[in-house]
Amino acid sequence: MKPANICIMLSVLLSTPLGATGVSEPNDTGSEIKFEMNSTTRQWTVPLGKTEEGIELYADNPGPIKPTHVARIFLHEDSTSPLLNSEKETLERIHESPLANQFSKSQRDFIKTGYAIRVDSDSIDTKPFHYYSIWLYAVSEEDAKRMARTYLDGLTKYAARIMVNQKRVLSEWEEKLRLAQKELPEKEKELKACEEEYKPVQNVMLGFSSEKEAAELAKKTILEMDKILDTLEIELAGIREKLKMIEKYRSEPQQREAIRARLDEMFVEEMIELSGLEARRKTTERLQVEQQQFLGLFNERDKLQSKVNHLRKTIKNSQNAIKDINDLLKDPRPYMLPPKVYQNTIIIYPVLTGGS
């Protein structure tokens, strides 16, 4: 086989015009596709990719398997999304159709070479306005027809999946809306109750520039008070042990009067110290409870406010999404419908290939 002739093609070979080339005539989607044989021989040309400058590279007669026919489909530019206007996506649509099982073995082998498809979306070749060409090469006339039917079937199924997916997404948004609308009144009620409970402890934040600043200080204060309470507990435990020992010695019957008097004096001193420490502990605990109450209500209110805001946003977004999807389903995009083939006609050409 001769080496592939690699060239930069700014256009493809001129084709024989399809009937009237003035006003485009989209297919009647209720009509069956027709095949028209054309004796004009076409060159076997496939894309190889782009150069760093963005220029498309093509190869003529790349081999090794040679096609004998090509089906040319004039597809309306709205029939597919821009993402589908490529050889790779065209092949995927073909493989997704069960009609692909009808290809001959030779055609399946030919498809595996990667040289069976050319998407001609930018060509200046003669074609109806707003239509582009899909060239589907095959090893026989019948396989060329099968390629065309399979591709269009794949496109139709792809469009149907989009519609099904949109309906699925619509159901999901409707469920989100239902759940959010059900939960919102309950959370708003909880938030209102929390705010009423929060008002009496707001004096904790007096003198601060913001509630957030007060909350940060409350966290630090609670930690410091934990340390203070730990220290007080240690001191209280020490005093209680002293009092036990004092009581022990005071209870001895043979204790001398002077020592007993000193023990009584020590007992009074330690009781006074114990009373003071317990008062400090109670005050610290009370202040800590106030800080914890403020911080707890602050966090709870903040959490509930965030939840309410989220639910309100979900409701708004859901309503907008539901409206958009319903509008889309009422007036689908062209690529969500069966593809439009020019005059419902596919042209089959013989293919001119180089020798082996």
Protein backbone atom coordinates (compact mmCIF):
# COMPACT_ATOMS: atom_id res chain seq x y z
CA MET A 1 0.00 0.00 0.00
CA LYS A 2 1.26 3.50 -0.83
CA PRO A 3 2.11 5.78 2.13
CA ALA A 4 -0.78 7.97 3.23
CA ASN A 5 -0.85 11.27 1.45
CA ILE A 6 -0.95 13.78 4.33
CA CYS A 7 -2.09 17.26 3.35
CA ILE A 8 -3.56 20.44 4.77
CA MET A 9 -7.04 20.87 3.34
CA LEU A 10 -8.74 24.23 3.49
CA SER A 11 -11.71 22.71 1.65
CA VAL A 12 -12.82 19.34 0.34
CA LEU A 13 -13.52 18.38 -3.23
CA LEU A 14 -16.55 20.02 -4.82
CA SER A 15 -19.66 17.93 -4.61
CA THR A 16 -22.61 17.69 -6.92
CA PRO A 17 -25.27 20.13 -5.57
CA LEU A 18 -28.33 18.62 -3.92
CA GLY A 19 -31.30 19.85 -5.92
CA ALA A 20 -32.25 23.38 -4.88
CA THR A 21 -29.49 24.97 -2.80
CA GLY A 22 -31.26 28.21 -1.98
CA VAL A 23 -33.67 27.96 0.95
CA SER A 24 -32.95 25.01 3.21
CA GLU A 25 -35.65 22.41 3.47
CA PRO A 26 -35.55 20.53 6.76
CA ASN A 27 -36.84 17.02 6.84
CA ASP A 28 -40.32 16.09 7.91
CA THR A 29 -39.48 14.16 11.09
CA GLY A 30 -42.46 11.94 10.44
CA SER A 31 -41.10 10.83 7.08
CA GLU A 32 -38.65 8.03 6.43
CA ILE A 33 -35.12 8.71 5.28
CA LYS A 34 -34.52 8.19 1.55
CA PHE A 35 -31.27 7.18 -0.11
CA GLU A 36 -30.18 8.74 -3.38
CA MET A 37 -27.38 7.23 -5.44
CA ASN A 38 -24.93 9.63 -7.04
CA SER A 39 -22.37 8.48 -9.59
CA THR A 40 -19.85 11.21 -8.76
CA THR A 41 -16.76 9.57 -7.32
CA ARG A 42 -15.60 11.00 -4.00
CA GLN A 43 -12.16 11.05 -2.46
CA TRP A 44 -11.60 9.14 0.75
CA THR A 45 -10.47 11.87 3.14
CA VAL A 46 -10.31 11.72 6.95
CA PRO A 47 -9.11 14.18 9.62
CA LEU A 48 -5.88 13.58 11.53
CA GLY A 49 -6.04 16.46 13.99
CA LYS A 50 -4.80 20.04 14.13
CA THR A 51 -1.40 21.67 14.00
CA GLU A 52 -0.15 23.98 16.74
CA GLU A 53 -1.47 26.84 14.61
CA GLY A 54 -4.94 25.30 14.65
CA ILE A 55 -4.92 24.17 11.03
CA GLU A 56 -6.79 20.91 10.43
CA LEU A 57 -4.73 18.07 8.96
CA TYR A 58 -6.35 15.55 6.65
CA ALA A 59 -5.19 12.35 5.02
CA ASP A 60 -6.25 11.00 1.63
CA ASN A 61 -6.64 7.23 1.30
CA PRO A 62 -5.11 6.38 4.71
CA GLY A 63 -5.77 2.60 4.48
CA PRO A 64 -5.25 -0.22 5.16
CA ILE A 65 -8.88 -1.27 4.54
CA LYS A 66 -10.40 0.52 1.53
CA PRO A 67 -13.99 1.78 1.50
CA THR A 68 -16.07 1.50 -1.64
CA HIS A 69 -18.91 3.88 -0.77
CA VAL A 70 -19.63 6.87 1.41
CA ALA A 71 -22.94 8.11 2.82
CA ARG A 72 -23.19 11.86 3.02
CA ILE A 73 -25.70 13.25 5.49
CA PHE A 74 -26.61 16.93 5.37
CA LEU A 75 -27.46 17.51 9.02
CA HIS A 76 -28.97 20.75 10.27
CA GLU A 77 -26.51 22.62 12.50
CA ASP A 78 -29.10 22.67 15.32
CA SER A 79 -29.58 18.89 15.21
CA THR A 80 -26.63 18.33 17.52
CA SER A 81 -25.04 20.37 20.24
CA PRO A 82 -21.58 21.79 19.35
CA LEU A 83 -20.00 19.08 21.48
CA LEU A 84 -21.33 16.41 19.13
CA ASN A 85 -19.83 17.87 15.95
CA SER A 86 -16.79 15.61 15.94
CA GLU A 87 -15.69 12.25 14.57
CA LYS A 88 -15.34 10.83 18.09
CA GLU A 89 -18.86 11.80 19.15
CA THR A 90 -20.28 10.59 15.82
CA LEU A 91 -18.71 7.19 16.40
CA GLU A 92 -20.12 7.07 19.93
CA ARG A 93 -23.62 7.73 18.61
CA ILE A 94 -23.13 4.89 16.09
CA HIS A 95 -21.95 2.46 18.78
CA GLU A 96 -24.88 3.38 21.03
CA SER A 97 -27.44 2.25 18.48
CA PRO A 98 -28.42 -1.44 18.38
CA LEU A 99 -28.46 -1.13 14.58
CA ALA A 100 -24.65 -1.27 14.74
CA ASN A 101 -25.03 -5.03 15.21
CA GLN A 102 -26.16 -5.23 11.58
CA PHE A 103 -22.78 -4.11 10.17
CA SER A 104 -20.86 -6.68 8.17
CA LYS A 105 -17.67 -8.00 9.75
CA SER A 106 -15.63 -6.13 7.14
CA GLN A 107 -17.38 -2.89 8.10
CA ARG A 108 -16.78 -3.48 11.82
CA ASP A 109 -13.09 -4.07 11.08
CA PHE A 110 -13.02 -0.92 8.96
CA ILE A 111 -14.60 1.17 11.72
CA LYS A 112 -11.88 0.01 14.13
CA THR A 113 -9.21 1.64 11.93
CA GLY A 114 -10.61 5.06 12.88
CA TYR A 115 -10.90 6.16 9.24
CA ALA A 116 -14.63 5.66 8.65
CA ILE A 117 -15.94 9.10 9.63
CA ARG A 118 -15.40 12.72 8.65
CA VAL A 119 -17.34 15.64 10.10
CA ASP A 120 -17.26 18.51 7.63
CA SER A 121 -18.68 21.42 9.65
CA ASP A 122 -16.42 24.23 8.41
CA SER A 123 -16.06 23.37 4.74
CA ILE A 124 -16.84 25.87 1.97
CA ASP A 125 -18.07 22.92 -0.06
CA THR A 126 -21.45 23.40 -1.78
CA LYS A 127 -24.16 22.56 0.71
CA PRO A 128 -27.49 23.91 1.98
CA PHE A 129 -27.39 26.90 4.28
CA HIS A 130 -27.24 26.02 8.02
CA TYR A 131 -26.40 22.38 7.25
CA TYR A 132 -23.11 20.55 7.61
CA SER A 133 -21.90 17.22 6.23
CA ILE A 134 -21.28 13.93 7.94
CA TRP A 135 -19.34 11.54 5.71
CA LEU A 136 -19.71 7.88 6.68
CA TYR A 137 -17.39 5.60 4.71
CA ALA A 138 -18.15 1.90 4.23
CA VAL A 139 -16.85 -1.20 2.51
CA SER A 140 -20.11 -1.67 0.61
CA GLU A 141 -23.15 0.28 -0.50
CA GLU A 142 -25.36 -1.55 2.00
CA ASP A 143 -22.94 -0.87 4.86
CA ALA A 144 -22.92 2.81 3.90
CA LYS A 145 -26.71 2.87 4.25
CA ARG A 146 -26.45 1.00 7.55
CA MET A 147 -23.91 3.54 8.80
CA ALA A 148 -26.31 6.38 8.02
CA ARG A 149 -29.32 4.69 9.58
CA THR A 150 -27.31 3.72 12.67
CA TYR A 151 -25.92 7.21 13.17
CA LEU A 152 -29.34 8.84 12.89
CA ASP A 153 -30.80 6.25 15.24
CA GLY A 154 -28.02 6.97 17.73
CA LEU A 155 -28.73 10.69 17.50
CA THR A 156 -32.43 10.10 18.02
CA LYS A 157 -31.79 7.96 21.08
CA TYR A 158 -29.32 10.54 22.40
CA ALA A 159 -31.97 13.27 22.04
CA ALA A 160 -34.50 11.03 23.80
CA ARG A 161 -32.05 10.51 26.69
CA ILE A 162 -31.67 14.27 27.05
CA MET A 163 -35.43 14.62 27.34
CA VAL A 164 -35.61 11.77 29.86
CA ASN A 165 -32.74 13.28 31.84
CA GLN A 166 -34.41 16.69 31.89
CA LYS A 167 -37.59 15.11 33.26
CA ARG A 168 -35.54 13.26 35.88
CA VAL A 169 -33.81 16.48 36.91
CA LEU A 170 -37.21 18.20 37.01
CA SER A 171 -38.49 15.54 39.42
CA GLU A 172 -35.40 16.01 41.60
CA TRP A 173 -35.93 19.78 41.76
CA GLU A 174 -39.62 19.29 42.53
CA GLU A 175 -38.70 16.97 45.41
CA LYS A 176 -36.14 19.49 46.70
CA LEU A 177 -38.80 22.18 46.58
CA ARG A 178 -41.34 20.00 48.38
CA LEU A 179 -38.93 19.10 51.18
CA ALA A 180 -37.66 22.67 51.60
CA GLN A 181 -41.17 24.11 51.70
CA LYS A 182 -42.12 21.50 54.30
CA GLU A 183 -39.07 22.12 56.50
CA LEU A 184 -38.87 25.93 56.28
CA PRO A 185 -41.87 26.83 58.55
CA GLU A 186 -40.55 24.50 61.26
CA LYS A 187 -37.05 26.01 61.13
CA GLU A 188 -38.42 29.56 61.07
CA LYS A 189 -40.43 28.73 64.20
CA GLU A 190 -37.31 27.32 65.90
CA LEU A 191 -35.32 30.40 64.91
CA LYS A 192 -37.93 32.76 66.35
CA ALA A 193 -38.00 30.84 69.64
CA CYS A 194 -34.21 30.84 69.80
CA GLU A 195 -34.07 34.59 69.19
CA GLU A 196 -36.57 35.18 72.03
CA GLU A 197 -34.43 33.10 74.36
CA TYR A 198 -31.30 34.84 73.13
CA LYS A 199 -32.44 38.39 73.93
CA PRO A 200 -32.04 38.18 77.75
CA VAL A 201 -28.40 37.06 77.47
CA GLN A 202 -27.40 39.67 74.90
CA ASN A 203 -26.08 41.86 77.70
CA VAL A 204 -23.06 39.54 77.72
CA MET A 205 -21.93 41.19 74.49
CA LEU A 206 -22.29 44.78 75.71
CA GLY A 207 -19.18 46.79 74.93
CA PHE A 208 -18.19 44.65 71.93
CA SER A 209 -18.26 45.80 68.35
CA SER A 210 -20.06 42.66 67.17
CA GLU A 211 -21.72 39.48 68.37
CA LYS A 212 -18.99 37.51 66.67
CA GLU A 213 -16.36 39.30 68.75
CA ALA A 214 -18.38 38.59 71.91
CA ALA A 215 -18.68 34.92 70.94
CA GLU A 216 -14.93 34.62 70.43
CA LEU A 217 -14.31 36.19 73.85
CA ALA A 218 -16.89 33.87 75.42
CA LYS A 219 -14.97 30.85 74.08
CA LYS A 220 -11.74 32.15 75.62
CA THR A 221 -13.47 33.04 78.89
CA ILE A 222 -14.99 29.57 79.24
CA LEU A 223 -11.57 27.99 78.76
CA GLU A 224 -9.97 30.34 81.30
CA MET A 225 -12.74 29.66 83.81
CA ASP A 226 -12.19 25.92 83.38
CA LYS A 227 -8.58 26.45 84.43
CA ILE A 228 -9.64 28.64 87.37
CA LEU A 229 -12.16 26.04 88.56
CA ASP A 230 -9.53 23.32 88.37
CA THR A 231 -7.20 25.44 90.52
CA LEU A 232 -9.98 26.21 93.01
CA GLU A 233 -10.84 22.54 93.32
CA ILE A 234 -7.24 21.74 94.16
CA GLU A 235 -7.13 24.49 96.78
CA LEU A 236 -10.47 23.44 98.25
CA ALA A 237 -9.30 19.85 98.46
CA GLY A 238 -6.19 21.00 100.35
CA ILE A 239 -8.19 23.04 102.84
CA ARG A 240 -10.62 20.17 103.46
CA GLU A 241 -7.68 17.89 104.25
CA LYS A 242 -6.30 20.51 106.68
CA LEU A 243 -9.67 20.72 108.39
CA LYS A 244 -9.77 16.94 108.77
CA MET A 245 -6.37 16.93 110.45
CA ILE A 246 -7.34 19.85 112.69
CA GLU A 247 -10.50 18.03 113.75
CA LYS A 248 -8.49 14.91 114.41
CA TYR A 249 -6.10 16.68 116.80
CA ARG A 250 -8.88 18.72 118.43
CA SER A 251 -10.73 15.53 119.29
CA GLU A 252 -7.86 14.09 121.34
CA PRO A 253 -8.88 14.25 125.05
CA GLN A 254 -5.38 14.72 126.45
CA GLN A 255 -4.63 17.69 124.18
CA ARG A 256 -2.98 20.61 126.00
CA GLU A 257 -5.02 23.76 126.35
CA ALA A 258 -2.59 25.99 124.42
CA ILE A 259 -2.44 23.59 121.48
CA ARG A 260 -6.23 23.19 121.51
CA ALA A 261 -6.61 26.98 121.39
CA ARG A 262 -4.22 27.18 118.46
CA LEU A 263 -6.10 24.37 116.67
CA ASP A 264 -9.39 26.24 117.20
CA GLU A 265 -7.81 29.35 115.74
CA MET A 266 -6.47 27.41 112.72
CA PHE A 267 -9.88 25.80 112.23
CA VAL A 268 -11.57 29.21 112.04
CA GLU A 269 -8.92 30.52 109.62
CA GLU A 270 -9.28 27.53 107.31
CA MET A 271 -13.09 27.70 107.44
CA ILE A 272 -12.90 31.36 106.42
CA GLU A 273 -10.53 30.46 103.58
CA LEU A 274 -12.80 27.58 102.56
CA SER A 275 -15.83 29.86 102.52
CA GLY A 276 -14.01 32.39 100.35
CA LEU A 277 -12.84 29.78 97.87
CA GLU A 278 -16.31 28.26 97.61
CA ALA A 279 -17.76 31.71 96.97
CA ARG A 280 -15.19 32.27 94.23
CA ARG A 281 -16.03 28.88 92.75
CA LYS A 282 -19.77 29.59 92.74
CA THR A 283 -19.21 32.98 91.12
CA THR A 284 -16.90 31.49 88.51
CA GLU A 285 -19.37 28.70 87.78
CA ARG A 286 -22.22 31.21 87.47
CA LEU A 287 -20.23 33.38 85.07
CA GLN A 288 -19.19 30.32 83.11
CA VAL A 289 -22.81 29.18 82.79
CA GLU A 290 -23.76 32.65 81.51
CA GLN A 291 -20.97 32.54 78.94
CA GLN A 292 -21.92 29.02 77.90
CA GLN A 293 -25.58 30.00 77.65
CA PHE A 294 -24.72 33.00 75.50
CA LEU A 295 -22.34 31.02 73.30
CA GLY A 296 -24.76 28.11 72.98
CA LEU A 297 -27.65 30.36 71.98
CA PHE A 298 -25.39 32.37 69.68
CA ASN A 299 -24.27 29.20 67.88
CA GLU A 300 -27.79 27.76 67.79
CA ARG A 301 -29.25 30.97 66.40
CA ASP A 302 -26.45 31.20 63.83
CA LYS A 303 -27.00 27.57 62.83
CA LEU A 304 -30.77 28.04 62.52
CA GLN A 305 -30.36 31.29 60.57
CA SER A 306 -28.01 29.56 58.15
CA LYS A 307 -30.46 26.69 57.75
CA VAL A 308 -33.37 29.07 57.13
CA ASN A 309 -31.33 31.02 54.58
CA HIS A 310 -30.33 27.77 52.88
CA LEU A 311 -33.93 26.58 52.70
CA ARG A 312 -35.11 29.91 51.31
CA LYS A 313 -32.36 29.81 48.71
CA THR A 314 -33.22 26.20 47.85
CA ILE A 315 -36.86 27.15 47.36
CA LYS A 316 -35.93 30.06 45.10
CA ASN A 317 -33.41 28.02 43.09
CA SER A 318 -35.85 25.11 42.81
CA GLN A 319 -38.65 27.32 41.57
CA ASN A 320 -36.35 28.91 38.98
CA ALA A 321 -35.00 25.53 37.85
CA ILE A 322 -38.49 24.02 37.61
CA LYS A 323 -39.66 26.96 35.50
CA ASP A 324 -36.60 26.75 33.22
CA ILE A 325 -36.93 22.99 32.70
CA ASN A 326 -40.68 23.21 32.09
CA ASP A 327 -40.05 25.96 29.54
CA LEU A 328 -37.40 23.78 27.92
CA LEU A 329 -39.70 20.77 27.77
CA LYS A 330 -42.46 22.87 26.23
CA ASP A 331 -40.05 24.30 23.67
CA PRO A 332 -37.15 21.82 23.35
CA ARG A 333 -33.84 22.76 21.77
CA PRO A 334 -33.42 21.26 18.29
CA TYR A 335 -30.75 18.83 19.51
CA MET A 336 -33.30 17.44 21.97
CA LEU A 337 -35.45 16.29 19.06
CA PRO A 338 -34.85 13.78 16.23
CA PRO A 339 -32.17 15.10 13.85
CA LYS A 340 -33.08 17.19 10.80
CA VAL A 341 -31.71 15.73 7.58
CA TYR A 342 -31.89 17.93 4.49
CA GLN A 343 -34.90 16.86 2.39
CA ASN A 344 -34.88 13.57 4.34
CA THR A 345 -32.34 12.38 1.79
CA ILE A 346 -28.93 10.76 2.23
CA ILE A 347 -26.57 10.65 -0.75
CA ILE A 348 -24.53 7.54 -1.46
CA TYR A 349 -21.36 8.09 -3.53
CA PRO A 350 -18.77 5.64 -4.87
CA VAL A 351 -15.34 6.20 -3.33
CA LEU A 352 -12.10 6.67 -5.26
CA THR A 353 -9.14 5.21 -3.37
CA GLY A 354 -5.51 4.71 -4.20
CA GLY A 355 -4.00 1.37 -5.08
CA SER A 356 -2.25 -0.99 -2.72
